[in-house]
Amino acid sequence: MKNNIKILSLFSSGGIAEAYLNSIGIKIKVANEINTNRCSFYSHLYPETEIIEGDITQKTVMKQIVDISLKKKINCIIATPPCQGMSIAGNMNPLDKRNQLITYTIDIIKKLKPKFVMLENVPMQLTTKITYKNRVVLIPDYIREELCDLYNFNDNALVKTMDYGIPQMRKRNIFLLVRKDLDFIWNFPKTTSQITTLRKALKNIPSIDPLLREGMQETIQMFPDFNKKKEIGLKLSKWHFPPTHAKRHVKWMMKTPPGSTAFDNQYYYPQKKQGDRIRGHYNHYRRHSWDKPSRSLTQNNGVISSLACVHPGYCLVDGDEKKRIYSDARCFSIYELLIVSSLPLDWNMPDWIKENEIRKIIGEGIPPLLVKYIFEELLRNLQLNKVNLAS
């Protein structure tokens, strides 16, 4: 039975979520993104999708999205409305206008009345507030109040990607909606009992050294085999190339064991140029653990000082802190990010994309293998309930 699911993707970024949908017969017909470079990136990956570049809060853009979606008979919407205002730790601001972006998604849903909706965001969305009808309400309460008459909601909205064999500890809040006339509930698929650790996920991936920001001469002095290892890495993939880091950051991480933070070091700890100890979150300057999945990726996954983004590394010289040396004192390569994010290793990224931009796109995206599993569960429900979607 042909599934005939036709998707509108809102806040589509670089199309991470959609990476596997074509492979299971689901078509992304329309997408909307405000950033020009990301629209170009999206069009490169999905040339058959009509991408609408523009701000969804503008009436002309909103009308264009709705009109084209009606023309293409969209029956499913996936969306990740940004809620940057919820990141104000311990001081949620209900007046932050960015939190209101969810309302534009809901407006489009109410205009199109698609059969299925997937609303995805960070778990903190569950406790984020917005202003609605002169009231301050939680976003989940707002969504349910607006859509509960038309849609059935999934039983549990929280999901961990690591529970589906994906080597990343990413927790997401996902509402799965089915229009009530279809008379079934779309829940998450069953989890797997096996956890994919980085030791398994990155098995046989060649070690590479970082390129020092201070220049090639400094790099070769610190890493005599830099070019040889780089060449081996590029034979695996053009995306397995050395990230660039400051020499002092690299020195700290060379003394930091897997799963540890450089803040724990007694001698080689993060410090300012004048020697003062740097203060920071306990997950800054942290290496990943080999025997766990990766921690959640962030947009700054190429910055050693960011949250838990340094390769686990291999012990090259054992001993106390002054003697020990660990390899791969660097962030993940782009190729390793593909693995950790469950993206296809042959993902057709354009050559013109800048490293920092692709890192941001991957870091903010939901691992697409989870999206594939979620939509495969929807397809099973359609078959089980003998739902034949009209063309």
Protein backbone atom coordinates (compact mmCIF):
# COMPACT_ATOMS: atom_id res chain seq x y z
CA MET A 1 0.00 0.00 0.00
CA LYS A 2 1.44 3.33 -1.05
CA ASN A 3 1.82 5.56 2.01
CA ASN A 4 1.48 8.83 0.07
CA ILE A 5 2.70 10.96 2.98
CA LYS A 6 3.54 14.47 1.79
CA ILE A 7 5.48 16.62 4.23
CA LEU A 8 5.82 20.32 4.94
CA SER A 9 9.01 20.96 6.93
CA LEU A 10 9.02 24.16 9.01
CA PHE A 11 12.18 25.69 10.50
CA SER A 12 13.90 23.12 8.31
CA SER A 13 17.52 24.32 8.75
CA GLY A 14 19.73 22.00 6.69
CA GLY A 15 17.25 19.14 6.53
CA ILE A 16 18.86 16.87 9.11
CA ALA A 17 15.58 15.31 10.25
CA GLU A 18 14.58 14.44 6.69
CA ALA A 19 17.77 12.54 5.80
CA TYR A 20 16.16 9.08 5.61
CA LEU A 21 12.53 9.85 4.79
CA ASN A 22 12.89 9.47 1.03
CA SER A 23 14.32 5.99 1.61
CA ILE A 24 11.02 4.87 3.18
CA GLY A 25 8.85 6.45 0.50
CA ILE A 26 7.95 9.66 2.33
CA LYS A 27 8.22 12.83 0.27
CA ILE A 28 9.19 16.27 1.56
CA LYS A 29 7.23 18.50 -0.77
CA VAL A 30 7.66 21.91 0.86
CA ALA A 31 10.15 23.40 3.33
CA ASN A 32 10.62 26.79 4.97
CA GLU A 33 13.85 28.27 6.32
CA ILE A 34 14.89 31.86 6.98
CA ASN A 35 18.65 31.50 6.41
CA THR A 36 19.83 31.86 2.79
CA ASN A 37 22.85 29.54 3.08
CA ARG A 38 20.77 26.86 4.72
CA CYS A 39 18.15 27.14 1.99
CA SER A 40 20.89 26.55 -0.58
CA PHE A 41 22.20 23.63 1.47
CA TYR A 42 18.69 22.18 1.72
CA SER A 43 18.07 22.56 -2.01
CA HIS A 44 21.33 20.76 -2.75
CA LEU A 45 20.23 17.80 -0.61
CA TYR A 46 16.58 17.81 -1.65
CA PRO A 47 16.33 19.25 -5.16
CA GLU A 48 12.74 18.04 -5.58
CA THR A 49 11.53 19.95 -2.52
CA GLU A 50 10.17 23.46 -2.96
CA ILE A 51 12.05 25.56 -0.43
CA ILE A 52 10.46 28.82 0.68
CA GLU A 53 13.06 31.24 1.98
CA GLY A 54 11.74 33.78 4.44
CA ASP A 55 10.56 34.73 7.90
CA ILE A 56 7.50 32.73 8.91
CA THR A 57 6.31 35.66 11.03
CA GLN A 58 5.79 37.74 7.88
CA LYS A 59 2.26 37.50 6.49
CA THR A 60 3.44 37.18 2.89
CA VAL A 61 5.73 34.26 3.77
CA MET A 62 3.04 32.61 5.87
CA LYS A 63 0.55 32.90 3.00
CA GLN A 64 3.07 31.48 0.54
CA ILE A 65 3.70 28.47 2.78
CA VAL A 66 0.00 27.79 3.18
CA ASP A 67 -0.91 28.31 -0.48
CA ILE A 68 1.87 26.09 -1.83
CA SER A 69 1.17 23.42 0.79
CA LEU A 70 -2.50 23.33 -0.17
CA LYS A 71 -1.56 23.09 -3.83
CA LYS A 72 0.80 20.18 -3.14
CA LYS A 73 -1.79 18.47 -0.89
CA ILE A 74 0.41 18.39 2.20
CA ASN A 75 -0.90 15.93 4.79
CA CYS A 76 1.96 15.94 7.32
CA ILE A 77 3.94 18.70 9.05
CA ILE A 78 7.25 18.38 10.88
CA ALA A 79 8.53 21.39 12.80
CA THR A 80 11.12 22.47 15.35
CA PRO A 81 10.10 26.01 16.29
CA PRO A 82 13.07 27.76 17.95
CA CYS A 83 12.58 28.63 21.61
CA GLN A 84 15.83 30.38 22.46
CA GLY A 85 14.23 32.24 25.33
CA MET A 86 13.95 29.05 27.34
CA SER A 87 17.74 28.82 27.62
CA ILE A 88 17.83 31.53 30.30
CA ALA A 89 18.84 29.16 33.08
CA GLY A 90 16.64 29.51 36.14
CA ASN A 91 14.99 32.67 34.87
CA MET A 92 12.46 31.80 32.17
CA ASN A 93 11.21 34.90 30.40
CA PRO A 94 7.60 34.51 29.17
CA LEU A 95 7.90 37.82 27.31
CA ASP A 96 10.78 36.67 25.10
CA LYS A 97 9.37 37.09 21.58
CA ARG A 98 11.39 34.15 20.28
CA ASN A 99 9.33 31.78 22.41
CA GLN A 100 6.26 32.88 20.46
CA LEU A 101 7.50 31.25 17.23
CA ILE A 102 5.57 28.10 18.16
CA THR A 103 2.36 30.06 17.59
CA TYR A 104 3.09 30.45 13.87
CA THR A 105 3.48 26.70 13.51
CA ILE A 106 0.15 26.16 15.25
CA ASP A 107 -1.50 28.73 12.97
CA ILE A 108 -0.28 26.82 9.90
CA ILE A 109 -1.45 23.52 11.36
CA LYS A 110 -4.92 24.97 11.93
CA LYS A 111 -5.04 26.33 8.39
CA LEU A 112 -3.85 23.12 6.68
CA LYS A 113 -5.31 20.55 9.10
CA PRO A 114 -2.80 17.87 8.06
CA LYS A 115 -3.43 14.27 9.05
CA PHE A 116 -0.14 14.03 10.95
CA VAL A 117 2.14 16.43 12.85
CA MET A 118 5.54 15.96 14.47
CA LEU A 119 6.54 18.84 16.77
CA GLU A 120 10.11 18.39 18.01
CA ASN A 121 12.18 20.40 20.46
CA VAL A 122 14.41 20.25 23.51
CA PRO A 123 12.93 18.85 26.75
CA MET A 124 13.05 22.30 28.35
CA GLN A 125 10.18 23.26 26.08
CA LEU A 126 7.96 21.39 28.53
CA THR A 127 8.64 24.06 31.15
CA THR A 128 8.88 27.08 28.85
CA LYS A 129 6.14 29.70 29.00
CA ILE A 130 4.63 32.05 26.44
CA THR A 131 1.93 34.71 26.49
CA TYR A 132 -1.36 33.45 25.08
CA LYS A 133 -4.73 35.19 25.19
CA ASN A 134 -3.39 37.64 27.78
CA ARG A 135 -2.22 34.72 29.94
CA VAL A 136 1.18 33.22 30.67
CA VAL A 137 0.99 29.50 29.87
CA LEU A 138 3.32 26.57 29.37
CA ILE A 139 4.02 25.78 25.71
CA PRO A 140 2.69 22.17 26.02
CA ASP A 141 -0.56 23.47 27.55
CA TYR A 142 -0.87 26.00 24.72
CA ILE A 143 -0.33 23.31 22.06
CA ARG A 144 -2.90 20.99 23.59
CA GLU A 145 -5.46 23.73 24.11
CA GLU A 146 -5.16 24.79 20.47
CA LEU A 147 -5.12 21.32 18.91
CA CYS A 148 -6.76 18.81 21.27
CA ASP A 149 -10.16 19.02 19.55
CA LEU A 150 -8.66 18.10 16.20
CA TYR A 151 -5.80 15.73 17.10
CA ASN A 152 -4.90 12.72 19.23
CA PHE A 153 -1.54 13.17 21.04
CA ASN A 154 1.08 10.52 21.77
CA ASP A 155 1.10 9.07 25.29
CA ASN A 156 4.63 10.15 26.22
CA ALA A 157 6.45 13.09 24.66
CA LEU A 158 10.00 12.47 25.94
CA VAL A 159 12.44 10.26 24.06
CA LYS A 160 16.17 9.49 24.26
CA THR A 161 18.02 8.84 21.02
CA MET A 162 20.48 6.50 22.79
CA ASP A 163 17.55 4.13 23.43
CA TYR A 164 17.38 3.47 19.69
CA GLY A 165 20.97 2.39 19.08
CA ILE A 166 22.12 5.92 18.19
CA PRO A 167 25.53 6.78 19.71
CA GLN A 168 24.38 10.04 21.25
CA MET A 169 22.70 10.84 24.60
CA ARG A 170 20.20 13.23 23.10
CA LYS A 171 16.88 13.72 24.86
CA ARG A 172 14.04 15.30 22.90
CA ASN A 173 10.49 16.44 23.47
CA ILE A 174 8.38 15.24 20.53
CA PHE A 175 4.63 15.57 20.14
CA LEU A 176 3.18 13.12 17.60
CA LEU A 177 -0.30 14.13 16.45
CA VAL A 178 -2.86 12.19 14.42
CA ARG A 179 -6.07 13.79 13.22
CA LYS A 180 -8.96 12.34 15.18
CA ASP A 181 -10.91 11.15 12.17
CA LEU A 182 -8.18 8.52 11.61
CA ASP A 183 -8.91 7.07 15.06
CA PHE A 184 -5.48 5.88 16.22
CA ILE A 185 -2.56 7.16 18.31
CA TRP A 186 0.96 7.56 16.95
CA ASN A 187 3.43 6.59 19.67
CA PHE A 188 7.19 6.08 19.65
CA PRO A 189 8.49 2.72 18.41
CA LYS A 190 9.86 0.17 20.85
CA THR A 191 13.30 0.91 22.22
CA THR A 192 16.32 -1.33 21.79
CA SER A 193 18.07 -3.00 24.71
CA GLN A 194 21.53 -2.35 23.26
CA ILE A 195 23.41 0.92 23.76
CA THR A 196 25.88 1.94 21.05
CA THR A 197 29.01 3.30 22.71
CA LEU A 198 31.62 5.49 21.05
CA ARG A 199 34.04 2.57 21.25
CA LYS A 200 31.75 0.67 18.92
CA ALA A 201 30.61 3.63 16.82
CA LEU A 202 34.11 4.97 16.15
CA LYS A 203 35.79 1.59 15.77
CA ASN A 204 38.44 1.63 13.03
CA ILE A 205 38.16 5.40 12.52
CA PRO A 206 41.77 6.56 12.09
CA SER A 207 43.28 8.90 14.65
CA ILE A 208 44.09 12.42 13.45
CA ASP A 209 45.89 15.29 15.13
CA PRO A 210 44.50 18.82 15.40
CA LEU A 211 45.77 21.65 13.24
CA LEU A 212 47.11 24.32 15.58
CA ARG A 213 45.78 27.82 15.08
CA GLU A 214 49.34 29.08 15.51
CA GLY A 215 50.30 27.61 12.13
CA MET A 216 51.71 24.55 10.38
CA GLN A 217 55.23 24.93 11.78
CA GLU A 218 53.91 24.78 15.35
CA THR A 219 51.65 21.88 14.39
CA ILE A 220 54.49 19.77 12.97
CA GLN A 221 56.67 20.49 15.98
CA MET A 222 53.98 19.16 18.31
CA PHE A 223 52.73 16.43 15.96
CA PRO A 224 55.50 15.15 13.64
CA ASP A 225 53.08 12.64 12.02
CA PHE A 226 50.37 15.25 11.41
CA ASN A 227 50.47 15.10 7.58
CA LYS A 228 50.73 11.31 7.48
CA LYS A 229 47.73 10.88 9.76
CA LYS A 230 45.80 13.56 7.88
CA GLU A 231 46.38 11.71 4.60
CA ILE A 232 45.12 8.45 6.10
CA GLY A 233 42.04 10.23 7.42
CA LEU A 234 41.23 11.78 4.06
CA LYS A 235 41.47 8.37 2.38
CA LEU A 236 38.55 7.32 4.57
CA SER A 237 36.53 10.45 3.80
CA LYS A 238 37.09 14.01 2.68
CA TRP A 239 35.13 14.99 5.80
CA HIS A 240 37.61 13.32 8.19
CA PHE A 241 40.00 16.24 8.26
CA PRO A 242 41.73 17.83 11.30
CA PRO A 243 39.81 20.50 13.21
CA THR A 244 41.71 23.68 14.08
CA HIS A 245 42.35 24.53 17.74
CA ALA A 246 44.49 26.83 19.88
CA LYS A 247 47.77 25.26 21.01
CA ARG A 248 47.12 25.86 24.72
CA HIS A 249 43.74 24.14 24.52
CA VAL A 250 45.33 21.16 22.78
CA LYS A 251 48.05 20.91 25.45
CA TRP A 252 45.45 20.74 28.22
CA MET A 253 43.47 18.03 26.44
CA MET A 254 46.58 15.94 25.71
CA LYS A 255 46.83 15.53 29.50
CA THR A 256 43.13 14.78 29.98
CA PRO A 257 41.93 11.12 30.03
CA PRO A 258 38.74 9.88 28.33
CA GLY A 259 35.58 10.92 30.16
CA SER A 260 37.39 13.61 32.16
CA THR A 261 37.54 17.38 32.03
CA ALA A 262 40.73 19.43 31.95
CA PHE A 263 39.38 21.25 35.01
CA ASP A 264 40.31 18.10 36.98
CA ASN A 265 43.98 18.43 36.02
CA GLN A 266 46.35 19.68 38.70
CA TYR A 267 48.90 21.21 36.37
CA TYR A 268 47.42 21.31 32.84
CA TYR A 269 44.13 22.97 33.66
CA PRO A 270 42.33 25.71 31.64
CA GLN A 271 43.99 29.01 32.39
CA LYS A 272 44.20 32.48 31.00
CA LYS A 273 47.33 33.64 29.22
CA GLN A 274 48.55 35.29 32.40
CA GLY A 275 48.12 32.00 34.28
CA ASP A 276 44.86 32.58 36.19
CA ARG A 277 42.61 29.53 36.39
CA ILE A 278 39.58 29.72 34.09
CA ARG A 279 36.24 29.08 35.70
CA GLY A 280 33.59 27.19 33.78
CA HIS A 281 30.94 24.49 33.65
CA TYR A 282 32.19 21.04 34.67
CA ASN A 283 31.41 19.77 31.17
CA HIS A 284 33.62 22.34 29.44
CA TYR A 285 37.00 21.08 28.17
CA ARG A 286 35.66 17.55 28.59
CA ARG A 287 36.54 14.46 26.61
CA HIS A 288 33.81 12.02 25.72
CA SER A 289 33.86 8.53 27.30
CA TRP A 290 34.63 5.51 25.14
CA ASP A 291 32.16 3.29 26.97
CA LYS A 292 29.16 5.60 26.64
CA PRO A 293 27.37 7.23 23.73
CA SER A 294 28.38 10.78 22.88
CA ARG A 295 26.87 13.49 24.98
CA SER A 296 24.36 15.69 23.17
CA LEU A 297 25.97 17.66 20.37
CA THR A 298 25.68 21.43 20.37
CA GLN A 299 26.13 24.09 17.71
CA ASN A 300 29.62 24.75 19.12
CA ASN A 301 30.80 21.16 18.69
CA GLY A 302 34.02 22.37 17.05
CA VAL A 303 35.17 24.38 20.07
CA ILE A 304 37.23 22.55 22.72
CA SER A 305 36.03 24.91 25.47
CA SER A 306 32.39 24.16 24.70
CA LEU A 307 30.22 21.49 26.34
CA ALA A 308 31.64 17.94 26.17
CA CYS A 309 32.81 17.89 22.58
CA VAL A 310 36.38 16.48 22.65
CA HIS A 311 37.29 13.09 21.16
CA PRO A 312 37.86 10.38 23.85
CA GLY A 313 41.46 9.84 22.72
CA TYR A 314 43.89 6.94 23.12
CA CYS A 315 46.58 6.65 25.79
CA LEU A 316 49.96 7.11 24.07
CA VAL A 317 52.09 7.51 27.21
CA ASP A 318 50.88 6.23 30.57
CA GLY A 319 51.78 7.69 33.93
CA ASP A 320 50.93 10.59 36.18
CA GLU A 321 49.56 13.86 34.82
CA LYS A 322 52.97 15.29 33.90
CA LYS A 323 53.99 12.16 31.94
CA ARG A 324 50.73 10.98 30.39
CA ILE A 325 49.78 11.83 26.82
CA TYR A 326 46.50 11.15 25.07
CA SER A 327 45.92 11.30 21.33
CA ASP A 328 43.21 13.13 19.40
CA ALA A 329 43.23 16.28 21.54
CA ARG A 330 40.54 17.73 19.30
CA CYS A 331 36.82 17.91 18.65
CA PHE A 332 35.13 15.34 16.44
CA SER A 333 35.79 15.61 12.73
CA ILE A 334 32.80 16.23 10.46
CA TYR A 335 32.88 12.54 9.50
CA GLU A 336 32.71 11.51 13.15
CA LEU A 337 29.80 13.91 13.64
CA LEU A 338 27.95 12.08 10.87
CA ILE A 339 28.41 8.84 12.79
CA VAL A 340 27.41 10.27 16.16
CA SER A 341 24.36 11.95 14.61
CA SER A 342 23.30 8.81 12.68
CA LEU A 343 23.54 10.66 9.37
CA PRO A 344 24.39 8.72 6.20
CA LEU A 345 28.16 8.48 5.79
CA ASP A 346 27.72 9.30 2.11
CA TRP A 347 25.45 12.26 2.87
CA ASN A 348 25.66 14.49 -0.18
CA MET A 349 26.90 17.69 1.47
CA PRO A 350 27.99 20.41 -0.95
CA ASP A 351 31.69 21.22 -1.09
CA TRP A 352 31.01 24.94 -0.63
CA ILE A 353 29.62 24.54 2.89
CA LYS A 354 31.92 26.00 5.54
CA GLU A 355 33.06 23.77 8.41
CA ASN A 356 31.54 26.01 11.08
CA GLU A 357 28.18 26.10 9.31
CA ILE A 358 27.87 22.34 8.86
CA ARG A 359 28.87 21.86 12.50
CA LYS A 360 26.04 24.18 13.56
CA ILE A 361 23.54 22.45 11.29
CA ILE A 362 24.45 19.00 12.62
CA GLY A 363 24.69 20.18 16.22
CA GLU A 364 21.19 21.63 16.32
CA GLY A 365 19.54 18.79 14.38
CA ILE A 366 17.70 15.75 15.68
CA PRO A 367 19.45 12.47 14.79
CA PRO A 368 17.61 11.46 11.61
CA LEU A 369 17.65 7.72 12.29
CA LEU A 370 15.24 8.37 15.16
CA VAL A 371 12.96 10.29 12.79
CA LYS A 372 13.06 7.38 10.37
CA TYR A 373 12.07 4.94 13.14
CA ILE A 374 9.25 7.24 14.25
CA PHE A 375 7.83 7.48 10.74
CA GLU A 376 8.21 3.75 10.18
CA GLU A 377 6.01 3.36 13.26
CA LEU A 378 3.47 5.66 11.63
CA LEU A 379 3.55 3.55 8.46
CA ARG A 380 2.92 0.42 10.56
CA ASN A 381 -0.08 2.14 12.14
CA LEU A 382 -1.45 3.07 8.74
CA GLN A 383 -1.17 -0.53 7.57
CA LEU A 384 -2.56 -1.97 10.80
CA ASN A 385 -5.55 0.37 10.71
CA LYS A 386 -5.95 -0.04 6.95
CA VAL A 387 -5.70 3.68 6.36
CA ASN A 388 -5.44 4.54 2.69
CA LEU A 389 -4.29 8.14 2.27
CA ALA A 390 -6.00 9.89 -0.58
CA SER A 391 -3.71 11.22 -3.32
